[in-house]
Amino acid sequence: MRRTRLTLAGQILMLQLVVICGVLVVIAMISVRQSTETFQATRGSAMRSVAEYTSNVAVVRDQIDEPGATRALAPTVDRGLQLSGATTVAIADAGGTIVASSDPREVGTRAVLGDSRIGEGRGWSGDLTINGVRVVAAHAPVIGDDGSVLGFTIATQAYPRLWDRITDETTDLAVFLGIGALAGGLGTWWVSRLLKRRTRGLGSAEIATLADHREALLHSIGEGVVAVDPSGRVTLVNDGARALLGLQGVVIGRPVSSLDLPEDVRRLLGDHDDAHDEVVVVGDRVLVVNRRAASSHGRGIGSVTTMRDRTELVSLQNQLSSNLSISDTLRAQTHEFANRLHTISGLVELEEYDELAQLLGTLTRERADLDARIRDRVEDPAVAALLVAKSSAATEVAVRLVLHDQAHLPAVAADLSADLTTIIGNLIDNAIDASRGHEPAQVEVMTGVVDQDVVVTVTDTGPGVPDHLRDTIFVRGFSTKPEVLGGRGIGLPLVRVIATRRGGRVDVVHTGEHGARFEVRVPLVAPSPHTVVTGAASR
C-alpha cells in the first residue's frame, strides 16, 4: 500500500502542533514551579508562626524536661496542629529528641534538623526530607526564664504531590491549549495560502526537485554566475564564478563590497543596471561579463551577472596580431626590395654602372645608418628588428618613422619582449594609418625605463582622438566575429589587455587637431594577479 505523503501545509501544521505541545509543557513546568515557590513562601511563613506560637506557651517551658512531657504537652501540640493546617507539630528537648508530637511514631526519635542552627537558639525555616517526604519546616527555640535553650518546637507541612499541583492548573492549561490550537489552525491556513502563492502551487517534493536541478545546472556549466540582492549581498555563486574570480571561503550572504576583488569588479557585480559584454581582466584571465536586472511581479529583486572566460581568445588574437604585423612588414619589405631590384636591373641594362654604384652605396649607407641608429638605442633584438621592419612598412605608404634621439630600451625578459613587440607593433600600425595623407606624415617612437617601468610613447600626426572616444577606442574592437579575427578592430584593445595583464596601463596623453600620443607603461617584472580593467565589447 502506497504511503500518503503530507502536503507542505500539512507538514507545517504538524510542526506547529508539536511546537504548541512543547510550549504547553513548558508552561506546565513553569506553573508547577511557580506553585511550588508560592507554597514554600506562604506555608513556610505559616509554619514559623505555629512553631513560634507553640514555643511561647508557658506549659511547654514548664514541662519540656519533665518525665511526663508527652502527656502534658499533647494538648498544646494538637492545638497548634488545628490552628495552622500543618502536617505535624512536635516538641524536642535540648538534645534534639522529640518528646511530644502530633504523630506518636515520632516520640523518642531524633529530630531531622538539616542545616537548621536551632541548637544555638536561632529560629529557622526551610525544606527538609523526612522519611522520604519533602516538607516545608520551621523551628523555634524554647527559652527558659534564665535565657537558656530548653528545647525547640517543630512545625512541618508536606508538599502536595506533583499530580495534584498539575491538576490544580488544569483550567489554565485547557485555556492555553484552546488558544494555541486556534492560533495554530489560523496560522496554518494563512501560511498554506501564502506558500501556495509563493511556490506557484508546488509541493515540497517538487520544490526540492527544482532546487536540486538548479544546483546541478548552475554548478555544471562552465560560465560563471553571480546573483546579488537589492541590498548588495551575494545570494548565489556557482563553481565557475569562484574559479574565474578566484573567490575563496564563504561568499553567499556577504556584501559584494567585502569580497577580495578589485574595486571595479565589485562595482560591476554590485550594480543592478543592465550591462552588455563588459571586458574584465582579473589576474591572468580575460572575462566577458553580462549583467541583467532581475525582477518578480514588477519588483526588483537584484541582478544576475554571467561571465565567460575569453583568455584563450585574447591569446590567439595576440598571436594573430603579431603574425599579421610580420606578414605586412615582410610584404612591405618585399615590395621595397622589388622596386630597388627593378631600378638596379634597369641601370645594368642601360650600362649606367656609375649610377648603379652610387645607388648601391646610398642604399647600403641608409640601411646601415638605420640599423646602427636603432641598434644603439634599442638593445632588445626582437624590438629592434620590429622597428627596422616597421620603418620599411611606413616608407612604403609615404610615412616617416622616427626613433626619438633619447630613446633607449635594454634587453628584457623573453615574455616581456614578446608583449612589447605586440604593443609597439599595434601602436605603430595605428599611428601609420592615422598619419597617412597628412602633412607632415610622421610617426615618432620613444622608449625608455622609468622607475622600473618600461615606457613606450608613440606619437602620430594624424587627426587626433576626440575626447568622447578616448575610452571606447580601447574596447570597441574586442569581438568574436570572424571579420574581427581577420585583422580589424583588435589593435588598441589588445594593447590595453596586454598592458593590464602585466600590471601596466595605456593612456591617450595628448589629443587634438594635430595628432595623438599614446603612452604605455608596463613593469619590468609582472605583478601578482587581481588587476582589472573594464570596457564595452561587441560580439
Protein backbone atom coordinates (compact mmCIF):
# COMPACT_ATOMS: atom_id res chain seq x y z
CA MET A 1 0.00 0.00 0.00
CA ARG A 2 1.38 3.37 -1.02
CA ARG A 3 2.07 5.70 1.85
CA THR A 4 0.29 9.06 1.63
CA ARG A 5 2.72 11.98 1.74
CA LEU A 6 1.74 15.05 3.71
CA THR A 7 1.43 18.27 1.83
CA LEU A 8 3.64 21.19 2.71
CA ALA A 9 0.76 22.81 4.60
CA GLY A 10 0.14 19.54 6.47
CA GLN A 11 3.78 19.32 7.42
CA ILE A 12 3.68 22.87 8.73
CA LEU A 13 0.51 22.08 10.72
CA MET A 14 2.18 19.08 12.34
CA LEU A 15 5.21 21.17 13.14
CA GLN A 16 3.07 23.88 14.69
CA LEU A 17 1.17 21.32 16.80
CA VAL A 18 4.46 19.92 18.06
CA VAL A 19 5.61 23.43 18.90
CA ILE A 20 2.32 24.17 20.68
CA CYS A 21 2.60 20.97 22.72
CA GLY A 22 6.15 21.87 23.61
CA VAL A 23 5.04 25.35 24.68
CA LEU A 24 2.27 23.87 26.83
CA VAL A 25 4.73 21.51 28.51
CA VAL A 26 7.00 24.43 29.28
CA ILE A 27 4.02 26.42 30.61
CA ALA A 28 3.03 23.48 32.81
CA MET A 29 6.56 23.23 34.19
CA ILE A 30 6.62 26.96 34.88
CA SER A 31 3.21 26.77 36.55
CA VAL A 32 4.30 23.88 38.76
CA ARG A 33 7.47 25.70 39.71
CA GLN A 34 5.57 28.88 40.50
CA SER A 35 3.04 26.96 42.63
CA THR A 36 5.93 25.27 44.47
CA GLU A 37 7.59 28.61 45.18
CA THR A 38 4.25 30.08 46.30
CA PHE A 39 3.62 27.09 48.60
CA GLN A 40 7.11 27.37 50.06
CA ALA A 41 6.72 31.08 50.77
CA THR A 42 3.18 31.06 52.20
CA ARG A 43 3.34 27.79 54.14
CA GLY A 44 6.86 28.47 55.36
CA SER A 45 5.61 31.66 56.96
CA ALA A 46 2.66 29.81 58.47
CA MET A 47 4.93 27.09 59.89
CA ARG A 48 7.16 29.72 61.50
CA SER A 49 4.10 31.25 63.16
CA VAL A 50 2.97 27.86 64.51
CA ALA A 51 6.43 26.98 65.79
CA GLU A 52 6.84 30.37 67.48
CA TYR A 53 3.34 30.20 69.00
CA THR A 54 3.97 26.73 70.42
CA SER A 55 7.38 27.63 71.85
CA ASN A 56 5.89 30.60 73.73
CA VAL A 57 3.21 28.59 75.59
CA ALA A 58 4.09 28.50 79.29
CA VAL A 59 3.31 24.83 79.76
CA VAL A 60 5.90 23.99 77.12
CA ARG A 61 8.64 25.75 79.09
CA ASP A 62 7.50 24.09 82.32
CA GLN A 63 7.03 20.51 81.13
CA ILE A 64 9.57 20.04 78.32
CA ASP A 65 12.14 18.47 80.66
CA GLU A 66 9.65 16.57 82.85
CA PRO A 67 9.16 12.76 82.63
CA GLY A 68 5.51 13.13 81.63
CA ALA A 69 6.15 15.72 78.91
CA THR A 70 4.49 13.61 76.21
CA ARG A 71 1.11 13.55 78.00
CA ALA A 72 1.36 17.12 79.36
CA LEU A 73 2.24 18.70 76.03
CA ALA A 74 -0.15 16.73 73.82
CA PRO A 75 -3.00 19.32 74.06
CA THR A 76 -0.63 22.12 73.06
CA VAL A 77 0.62 20.13 70.08
CA ASP A 78 -2.93 19.35 68.94
CA ARG A 79 -3.96 23.00 69.28
CA GLY A 80 -1.06 24.12 67.07
CA LEU A 81 -1.95 21.46 64.52
CA GLN A 82 -5.56 22.57 64.36
CA LEU A 83 -4.71 26.26 64.03
CA SER A 84 -2.26 26.02 61.13
CA GLY A 85 -3.20 23.12 58.90
CA ALA A 86 0.30 21.71 59.41
CA THR A 87 1.04 18.07 58.77
CA THR A 88 2.88 17.60 62.06
CA VAL A 89 3.69 19.72 65.12
CA ALA A 90 6.37 18.41 67.51
CA ILE A 91 8.41 19.50 70.55
CA ALA A 92 12.00 18.38 71.11
CA ASP A 93 14.30 18.77 74.10
CA ALA A 94 17.71 20.48 74.01
CA GLY A 95 19.34 17.26 72.81
CA GLY A 96 17.09 17.05 69.74
CA THR A 97 14.93 14.17 70.94
CA ILE A 98 11.23 14.58 70.24
CA VAL A 99 9.26 14.48 73.49
CA ALA A 100 5.80 15.31 72.09
CA SER A 101 4.35 15.13 68.55
CA SER A 102 1.05 15.06 66.69
CA ASP A 103 2.42 11.85 65.14
CA PRO A 104 3.02 9.42 68.07
CA ARG A 105 5.53 7.47 65.96
CA GLU A 106 7.97 10.37 66.19
CA VAL A 107 8.12 10.45 70.02
CA GLY A 108 11.55 9.37 71.22
CA THR A 109 13.20 9.78 67.78
CA ARG A 110 15.80 12.30 66.80
CA ALA A 111 14.52 15.38 65.01
CA VAL A 112 15.70 15.93 61.44
CA LEU A 113 17.38 19.34 61.51
CA GLY A 114 19.05 19.71 58.09
CA ASP A 115 21.02 22.95 58.10
CA SER A 116 19.00 24.42 60.98
CA ARG A 117 21.02 26.08 63.78
CA ILE A 118 18.22 25.83 66.33
CA GLY A 119 20.69 24.46 68.91
CA GLU A 120 22.18 27.96 69.03
CA GLY A 121 18.76 29.41 69.83
CA ARG A 122 18.14 30.68 66.28
CA GLY A 123 14.78 30.17 64.59
CA TRP A 124 14.83 28.56 61.13
CA SER A 125 12.54 27.64 58.24
CA GLY A 126 13.19 25.75 55.00
CA ASP A 127 12.81 22.44 53.18
CA LEU A 128 13.54 19.04 54.74
CA THR A 129 13.08 15.46 53.65
CA ILE A 130 11.61 13.36 56.46
CA ASN A 131 11.06 9.64 55.89
CA GLY A 132 11.29 10.22 52.13
CA VAL A 133 8.70 13.01 52.12
CA ARG A 134 9.60 16.56 51.18
CA VAL A 135 8.21 19.07 53.67
CA VAL A 136 8.45 22.74 54.47
CA ALA A 137 9.54 23.03 58.12
CA ALA A 138 10.05 25.68 60.78
CA HIS A 139 11.96 25.53 64.10
CA ALA A 140 11.53 27.91 67.05
CA PRO A 141 13.59 27.77 70.28
CA VAL A 142 12.03 27.27 73.72
CA ILE A 143 13.80 29.78 76.00
CA GLY A 144 13.79 29.33 79.79
CA ASP A 145 13.43 32.13 82.31
CA ASP A 146 17.17 32.22 82.73
CA GLY A 147 17.71 32.61 78.96
CA SER A 148 18.88 29.07 78.38
CA VAL A 149 17.65 26.98 75.42
CA LEU A 150 15.38 24.28 76.87
CA GLY A 151 14.49 22.74 73.51
CA PHE A 152 12.63 23.70 70.32
CA THR A 153 9.33 23.31 68.55
CA ILE A 154 8.86 21.90 65.07
CA ALA A 155 6.06 22.59 62.55
CA THR A 156 6.04 20.85 59.14
CA GLN A 157 3.72 20.59 56.19
CA ALA A 158 4.27 18.13 53.32
CA TYR A 159 4.38 19.38 49.73
CA PRO A 160 1.39 18.33 47.63
CA ARG A 161 2.03 15.60 45.03
CA LEU A 162 3.13 16.63 41.55
CA TRP A 163 -0.08 15.36 40.01
CA ASP A 164 -2.12 17.40 42.49
CA ARG A 165 -0.16 20.52 41.56
CA ILE A 166 -0.69 19.85 37.82
CA THR A 167 -4.41 19.20 38.20
CA ASP A 168 -4.70 22.46 40.09
CA GLU A 169 -3.63 24.17 36.85
CA THR A 170 -5.93 22.12 34.58
CA THR A 171 -8.24 25.00 33.88
CA ASP A 172 -5.42 27.31 32.80
CA LEU A 173 -3.80 24.60 30.70
CA ALA A 174 -7.10 23.92 28.93
CA VAL A 175 -7.40 27.62 28.10
CA PHE A 176 -3.84 27.74 26.77
CA LEU A 177 -4.45 24.60 24.69
CA GLY A 178 -7.57 26.04 23.12
CA ILE A 179 -5.92 29.36 22.32
CA GLY A 180 -2.83 27.61 20.94
CA ALA A 181 -4.88 25.24 18.77
CA LEU A 182 -6.96 28.11 17.37
CA ALA A 183 -3.89 30.24 16.66
CA GLY A 184 -2.15 27.25 15.08
CA GLY A 185 -5.09 26.47 12.82
CA LEU A 186 -5.48 30.05 11.64
CA GLY A 187 -1.72 30.44 11.18
CA THR A 188 -1.50 27.22 9.18
CA TRP A 189 -4.34 28.29 6.91
CA TRP A 190 -2.69 31.66 6.25
CA VAL A 191 0.75 30.14 5.75
CA SER A 192 -0.60 27.48 3.38
CA ARG A 193 -2.23 30.14 1.20
CA LEU A 194 0.93 32.25 1.25
CA LEU A 195 3.13 29.26 0.38
CA LYS A 196 0.82 28.19 -2.40
CA ARG A 197 1.05 31.67 -3.92
CA ARG A 198 4.82 32.00 -3.44
CA THR A 199 5.67 28.46 -4.64
CA ARG A 200 3.33 28.57 -7.66
CA GLY A 201 1.29 25.72 -6.20
CA LEU A 202 4.23 23.32 -5.99
CA GLY A 203 4.54 20.78 -3.23
CA SER A 204 7.57 20.20 -1.05
CA ALA A 205 8.81 17.32 -3.23
CA GLU A 206 8.54 19.40 -6.40
CA ILE A 207 10.34 22.33 -4.73
CA ALA A 208 13.15 20.03 -3.55
CA THR A 209 13.47 18.57 -7.06
CA LEU A 210 13.65 22.03 -8.61
CA ALA A 211 16.29 23.11 -6.09
CA ASP A 212 18.37 20.01 -6.82
CA HIS A 213 18.12 20.57 -10.56
CA ARG A 214 19.04 24.22 -10.17
CA GLU A 215 22.12 23.39 -8.11
CA ALA A 216 23.19 20.69 -10.56
CA LEU A 217 22.69 23.04 -13.52
CA LEU A 218 24.44 26.05 -12.01
CA HIS A 219 27.47 24.11 -10.84
CA SER A 220 27.87 22.06 -14.00
CA ILE A 221 28.05 24.90 -16.52
CA GLY A 222 31.42 26.40 -17.36
CA GLU A 223 30.25 30.01 -17.29
CA GLY A 224 30.31 31.93 -14.03
CA VAL A 225 27.02 33.07 -12.44
CA VAL A 226 26.71 35.53 -9.55
CA ALA A 227 23.37 36.76 -8.14
CA VAL A 228 23.14 39.82 -5.89
CA ASP A 229 20.08 41.05 -3.96
CA PRO A 230 18.95 44.71 -3.83
CA SER A 231 20.99 45.31 -0.66
CA GLY A 232 24.22 44.26 -2.41
CA ARG A 233 24.62 40.82 -0.80
CA VAL A 234 25.60 37.75 -2.77
CA THR A 235 22.73 35.24 -2.93
CA LEU A 236 24.22 32.78 -5.42
CA VAL A 237 27.64 31.97 -6.83
CA ASN A 238 28.47 28.85 -8.80
CA ASP A 239 31.73 26.95 -9.14
CA GLY A 240 32.52 28.63 -12.44
CA ALA A 241 32.35 32.12 -10.90
CA ARG A 242 34.51 31.03 -7.96
CA ALA A 243 37.19 29.77 -10.34
CA LEU A 244 37.07 32.75 -12.71
CA LEU A 245 37.11 35.36 -9.91
CA GLY A 246 39.41 33.44 -7.55
CA LEU A 247 36.87 33.54 -4.69
CA GLN A 248 37.66 31.55 -1.54
CA GLY A 249 35.69 30.64 1.59
CA VAL A 250 32.10 31.58 2.33
CA VAL A 251 30.72 34.01 -0.25
CA ILE A 252 26.92 33.66 -0.11
CA GLY A 253 25.41 36.18 2.28
CA ARG A 254 28.40 38.53 2.20
CA PRO A 255 28.20 42.07 0.79
CA VAL A 256 29.85 42.44 -2.60
CA SER A 257 31.92 45.27 -1.15
CA SER A 258 33.61 42.83 1.27
CA LEU A 259 34.80 40.37 -1.39
CA ASP A 260 38.51 40.10 -2.12
CA LEU A 261 38.17 41.60 -5.60
CA PRO A 262 39.33 44.83 -7.24
CA GLU A 263 37.06 47.81 -6.76
CA ASP A 264 35.93 47.94 -10.38
CA VAL A 265 34.91 44.28 -10.30
CA ARG A 266 32.97 44.79 -7.06
CA ARG A 267 31.21 47.78 -8.59
CA LEU A 268 30.41 45.76 -11.72
CA LEU A 269 28.88 42.93 -9.66
CA GLY A 270 27.02 45.25 -7.27
CA ASP A 271 25.25 47.42 -9.86
CA HIS A 272 21.70 46.47 -10.83
CA ASP A 273 21.50 48.10 -14.28
CA ASP A 274 21.84 46.00 -17.41
CA ALA A 275 25.36 45.69 -18.82
CA HIS A 276 26.31 44.04 -22.11
CA ASP A 277 29.63 42.36 -22.84
CA GLU A 278 31.85 44.23 -20.42
CA VAL A 279 35.52 43.20 -20.73
CA VAL A 280 37.12 42.43 -17.37
CA VAL A 281 40.70 41.39 -16.75
CA VAL A 282 41.10 39.60 -13.40
CA GLY A 283 44.59 38.34 -12.73
CA ASP A 284 45.68 36.46 -15.84
CA ARG A 285 42.12 35.89 -17.08
CA VAL A 286 40.17 37.96 -19.60
CA LEU A 287 36.42 37.76 -18.89
CA VAL A 288 33.39 38.98 -20.81
CA VAL A 289 30.65 39.95 -18.33
CA ASN A 290 26.91 40.45 -18.85
CA ARG A 291 24.61 41.75 -16.12
CA ARG A 292 20.83 41.67 -16.15
CA ALA A 293 18.48 43.21 -13.59
CA ALA A 294 16.14 40.62 -12.03
CA SER A 295 12.52 41.29 -11.08
CA SER A 296 9.49 39.40 -9.81
CA HIS A 297 5.93 40.68 -10.28
CA GLY A 298 7.33 44.06 -11.25
CA ARG A 299 9.51 44.32 -8.15
CA GLY A 300 13.30 44.44 -8.41
CA ILE A 301 14.98 41.53 -6.63
CA GLY A 302 18.60 42.29 -7.55
CA SER A 303 20.75 41.34 -10.52
CA VAL A 304 22.31 38.29 -12.15
CA THR A 305 25.79 38.53 -13.65
CA THR A 306 27.21 35.94 -16.03
CA MET A 307 30.84 35.78 -17.16
CA ARG A 308 32.74 33.89 -19.84
CA ASP A 309 36.45 33.16 -19.99
CA ARG A 310 37.99 34.62 -23.14
CA THR A 311 41.64 34.29 -22.13
CA GLU A 312 42.44 31.85 -24.92
CA LEU A 313 40.72 34.07 -27.48
CA VAL A 314 42.82 37.06 -26.45
CA SER A 315 45.95 34.90 -26.63
CA LEU A 316 45.01 33.85 -30.15
CA GLN A 317 44.34 37.50 -31.05
CA ASN A 318 47.77 38.39 -29.69
CA GLN A 319 49.41 35.74 -31.86
CA LEU A 320 47.29 36.68 -34.86
CA SER A 321 48.13 40.35 -34.46
CA SER A 322 51.84 39.54 -34.32
CA ASN A 323 51.57 37.29 -37.38
CA LEU A 324 49.61 39.92 -39.32
CA SER A 325 52.16 42.56 -38.38
CA ILE A 326 55.03 40.33 -39.50
CA SER A 327 53.30 39.44 -42.77
CA ASP A 328 52.51 43.08 -43.53
CA THR A 329 56.10 44.03 -42.77
CA LEU A 330 57.50 41.26 -44.97
CA ARG A 331 55.15 42.29 -47.75
CA ALA A 332 56.29 45.89 -47.47
CA GLN A 333 59.95 44.91 -47.47
CA THR A 334 59.37 42.58 -50.43
CA HIS A 335 57.72 45.39 -52.32
CA GLU A 336 60.54 47.79 -51.38
CA PHE A 337 63.25 45.35 -52.40
CA ALA A 338 61.40 44.52 -55.64
CA ASN A 339 61.30 48.21 -56.58
CA ARG A 340 65.02 48.59 -55.86
CA LEU A 341 65.83 45.43 -57.80
CA HIS A 342 63.90 46.80 -60.77
CA THR A 343 65.91 50.03 -60.55
CA ILE A 344 69.21 48.12 -60.33
CA SER A 345 68.19 45.88 -63.24
CA GLY A 346 67.37 48.92 -65.39
CA LEU A 347 70.70 50.60 -64.62
CA VAL A 348 72.54 47.38 -65.54
CA GLU A 349 70.69 47.10 -68.84
CA LEU A 350 71.49 50.75 -69.56
CA GLU A 351 75.10 50.11 -68.57
CA GLU A 352 74.96 53.05 -66.16
CA TYR A 353 77.48 51.49 -63.85
CA ASP A 354 78.50 54.71 -62.13
CA GLU A 355 74.88 55.48 -61.26
CA LEU A 356 74.46 51.87 -60.13
CA ALA A 357 77.45 52.10 -57.82
CA GLN A 358 76.20 55.38 -56.38
CA LEU A 359 72.71 53.92 -55.83
CA LEU A 360 74.04 50.81 -54.11
CA GLY A 361 76.26 52.93 -51.90
CA THR A 362 73.35 55.15 -50.92
CA LEU A 363 71.09 52.19 -50.16
CA THR A 364 73.81 50.49 -48.15
CA ARG A 365 74.50 53.61 -46.11
CA GLU A 366 70.81 54.25 -45.43
CA ARG A 367 70.27 50.70 -44.27
CA ALA A 368 73.46 50.70 -42.22
CA ASP A 369 72.60 54.06 -40.66
CA LEU A 370 69.07 52.89 -39.81
CA ASP A 371 70.30 49.62 -38.32
CA ALA A 372 73.02 51.36 -36.33
CA ARG A 373 70.67 54.08 -35.04
CA ILE A 374 68.13 51.54 -33.83
CA ARG A 375 70.72 49.06 -32.54
CA ASP A 376 72.46 51.81 -30.50
CA ARG A 377 69.21 52.81 -28.75
CA VAL A 378 67.30 49.52 -28.57
CA GLU A 379 69.28 46.62 -27.13
CA ASP A 380 66.41 44.13 -27.20
CA PRO A 381 66.84 42.28 -30.53
CA ALA A 382 63.14 41.49 -31.08
CA VAL A 383 62.02 45.08 -30.57
CA ALA A 384 64.93 46.39 -32.67
CA ALA A 385 64.05 44.05 -35.54
CA LEU A 386 60.42 45.16 -35.30
CA LEU A 387 61.37 48.84 -35.58
CA VAL A 388 63.56 48.15 -38.62
CA ALA A 389 60.73 46.27 -40.31
CA LYS A 390 58.12 48.89 -39.43
CA SER A 391 60.37 51.60 -40.86
CA SER A 392 60.17 49.87 -44.24
CA ALA A 393 56.38 49.47 -43.92
CA ALA A 394 55.99 53.17 -43.10
CA THR A 395 58.22 54.23 -46.02
CA GLU A 396 56.03 52.24 -48.41
CA VAL A 397 52.98 54.40 -47.58
CA ALA A 398 54.94 57.67 -47.51
CA VAL A 399 55.07 57.92 -43.72
CA ARG A 400 58.32 58.67 -41.93
CA LEU A 401 59.05 56.53 -38.84
CA VAL A 402 61.37 58.32 -36.40
CA LEU A 403 63.05 56.91 -33.29
CA HIS A 404 63.45 59.63 -30.66
CA ASP A 405 67.04 60.73 -30.01
CA GLN A 406 66.71 59.94 -26.28
CA ALA A 407 65.05 56.56 -26.82
CA HIS A 408 66.64 53.65 -25.02
CA LEU A 409 65.50 50.12 -24.24
CA PRO A 410 67.67 47.45 -22.59
CA ALA A 411 67.33 43.76 -23.29
CA VAL A 412 64.32 42.42 -21.35
CA ALA A 413 62.89 39.01 -20.46
CA ALA A 414 61.57 36.91 -23.33
CA ASP A 415 57.90 37.14 -22.28
CA LEU A 416 58.09 40.92 -21.86
CA SER A 417 59.91 41.23 -25.19
CA ALA A 418 57.12 39.31 -26.94
CA ASP A 419 54.44 41.53 -25.35
CA LEU A 420 56.40 44.69 -26.20
CA THR A 421 56.64 43.71 -29.86
CA THR A 422 52.87 43.25 -29.96
CA ILE A 423 52.24 46.55 -28.16
CA ILE A 424 54.71 48.61 -30.22
CA GLY A 425 53.70 46.93 -33.48
CA ASN A 426 49.99 47.66 -32.97
CA LEU A 427 50.62 51.25 -31.85
CA ILE A 428 52.85 51.93 -34.87
CA ASP A 429 50.34 50.35 -37.25
CA ASN A 430 47.55 52.55 -35.87
CA ALA A 431 49.79 55.62 -35.98
CA ILE A 432 50.81 54.95 -39.61
CA ASP A 433 47.15 54.55 -40.62
CA ALA A 434 46.27 57.79 -38.81
CA SER A 435 49.17 59.76 -40.34
CA ARG A 436 48.66 58.75 -43.97
CA GLY A 437 47.52 61.66 -46.14
CA HIS A 438 48.56 64.30 -43.59
CA GLU A 439 51.45 66.71 -43.86
CA PRO A 440 53.87 66.01 -42.40
CA ALA A 441 53.15 62.28 -42.28
CA GLN A 442 55.34 61.17 -39.39
CA VAL A 443 55.31 58.69 -36.52
CA GLU A 444 57.72 59.14 -33.61
CA VAL A 445 58.58 56.29 -31.21
CA MET A 446 60.04 56.85 -27.75
CA THR A 447 61.14 54.03 -25.44
CA GLY A 448 62.74 54.10 -22.00
CA VAL A 449 62.78 52.72 -18.47
CA VAL A 450 61.36 54.94 -15.69
CA ASP A 451 61.04 53.74 -12.08
CA GLN A 452 61.26 50.07 -13.05
CA ASP A 453 58.60 50.58 -15.72
CA VAL A 454 59.11 50.26 -19.46
CA VAL A 455 57.55 53.36 -21.04
CA VAL A 456 56.63 53.35 -24.73
CA THR A 457 55.29 56.51 -26.40
CA VAL A 458 54.06 56.60 -30.00
CA THR A 459 53.09 59.98 -31.48
CA ASP A 460 51.43 60.48 -34.85
CA THR A 461 50.50 63.49 -36.95
CA GLY A 462 47.01 62.30 -37.78
CA PRO A 463 43.65 63.93 -36.98
CA GLY A 464 43.84 63.14 -33.24
CA VAL A 465 41.36 61.34 -30.97
CA PRO A 466 38.13 63.12 -29.94
CA ASP A 467 37.58 63.35 -26.21
CA HIS A 468 34.41 61.23 -26.30
CA LEU A 469 36.32 58.36 -27.93
CA ARG A 470 39.33 58.27 -25.63
CA ASP A 471 37.95 55.26 -23.73
CA THR A 472 35.90 53.49 -26.38
CA ILE A 473 38.82 53.15 -28.83
CA PHE A 474 40.36 50.64 -26.43
CA VAL A 475 37.31 48.38 -26.19
CA ARG A 476 35.16 48.69 -29.27
CA GLY A 477 37.31 46.24 -31.24
CA PHE A 478 37.01 43.32 -28.83
CA SER A 479 34.91 40.83 -30.74
CA THR A 480 34.49 37.18 -31.58
CA LYS A 481 33.26 37.90 -35.10
CA PRO A 482 35.25 36.30 -37.90
CA GLU A 483 35.83 39.63 -39.58
CA VAL A 484 37.39 40.97 -36.41
CA LEU A 485 39.67 37.98 -36.19
CA GLY A 486 40.64 38.78 -39.75
CA GLY A 487 42.63 41.71 -38.53
CA ARG A 488 40.38 44.68 -37.82
CA GLY A 489 39.43 46.18 -34.51
CA ILE A 490 41.80 44.29 -32.22
CA GLY A 491 44.86 46.61 -32.19
CA LEU A 492 44.26 49.10 -29.39
CA PRO A 493 42.03 46.78 -27.28
CA LEU A 494 44.76 44.13 -27.48
CA VAL A 495 47.37 46.69 -26.41
CA ARG A 496 45.28 47.58 -23.36
CA VAL A 497 44.60 43.96 -22.41
CA ILE A 498 48.30 43.03 -22.63
CA ALA A 499 49.37 46.11 -20.65
CA THR A 500 46.75 45.49 -18.00
CA ARG A 501 47.59 41.80 -17.64
CA ARG A 502 51.17 42.82 -16.91
CA GLY A 503 50.03 45.33 -14.29
CA GLY A 504 50.51 48.38 -16.50
CA ARG A 505 48.27 50.80 -18.38
CA VAL A 506 47.82 52.60 -21.68
CA ASP A 507 46.68 56.22 -21.98
CA VAL A 508 45.95 58.78 -24.64
CA VAL A 509 48.11 61.51 -23.13
CA HIS A 510 47.59 64.06 -25.87
CA THR A 511 44.71 64.66 -28.24
CA GLY A 512 43.81 67.48 -30.56
CA GLU A 513 43.83 68.59 -34.17
CA HIS A 514 47.49 67.75 -34.76
CA GLY A 515 47.80 64.13 -33.84
CA ALA A 516 47.62 61.81 -30.87
CA ARG A 517 50.16 60.42 -28.44
CA PHE A 518 49.72 57.02 -26.86
CA GLU A 519 51.73 56.12 -23.76
CA VAL A 520 52.10 52.56 -22.41
CA ARG A 521 53.70 51.72 -19.07
CA VAL A 522 54.40 48.12 -18.10
CA PRO A 523 56.53 46.89 -15.18
CA LEU A 524 59.79 45.13 -15.92
CA VAL A 525 58.51 42.38 -13.61
CA ALA A 526 54.85 41.38 -13.86
CA PRO A 527 52.94 41.84 -10.55
CA SER A 528 50.73 39.28 -8.82
CA PRO A 529 47.15 38.76 -10.10
CA HIS A 530 44.00 40.82 -9.43
CA THR A 531 44.41 43.78 -11.72
CA VAL A 532 41.31 44.79 -13.60
CA VAL A 533 40.11 46.95 -16.47
CA THR A 534 36.61 47.20 -17.81
CA GLY A 535 35.08 48.33 -21.06
CA ALA A 536 32.36 47.63 -23.58
CA ALA A 537 32.80 44.84 -26.07
CA SER A 538 30.99 43.78 -29.20
CA ARG A 539 30.24 40.28 -30.27
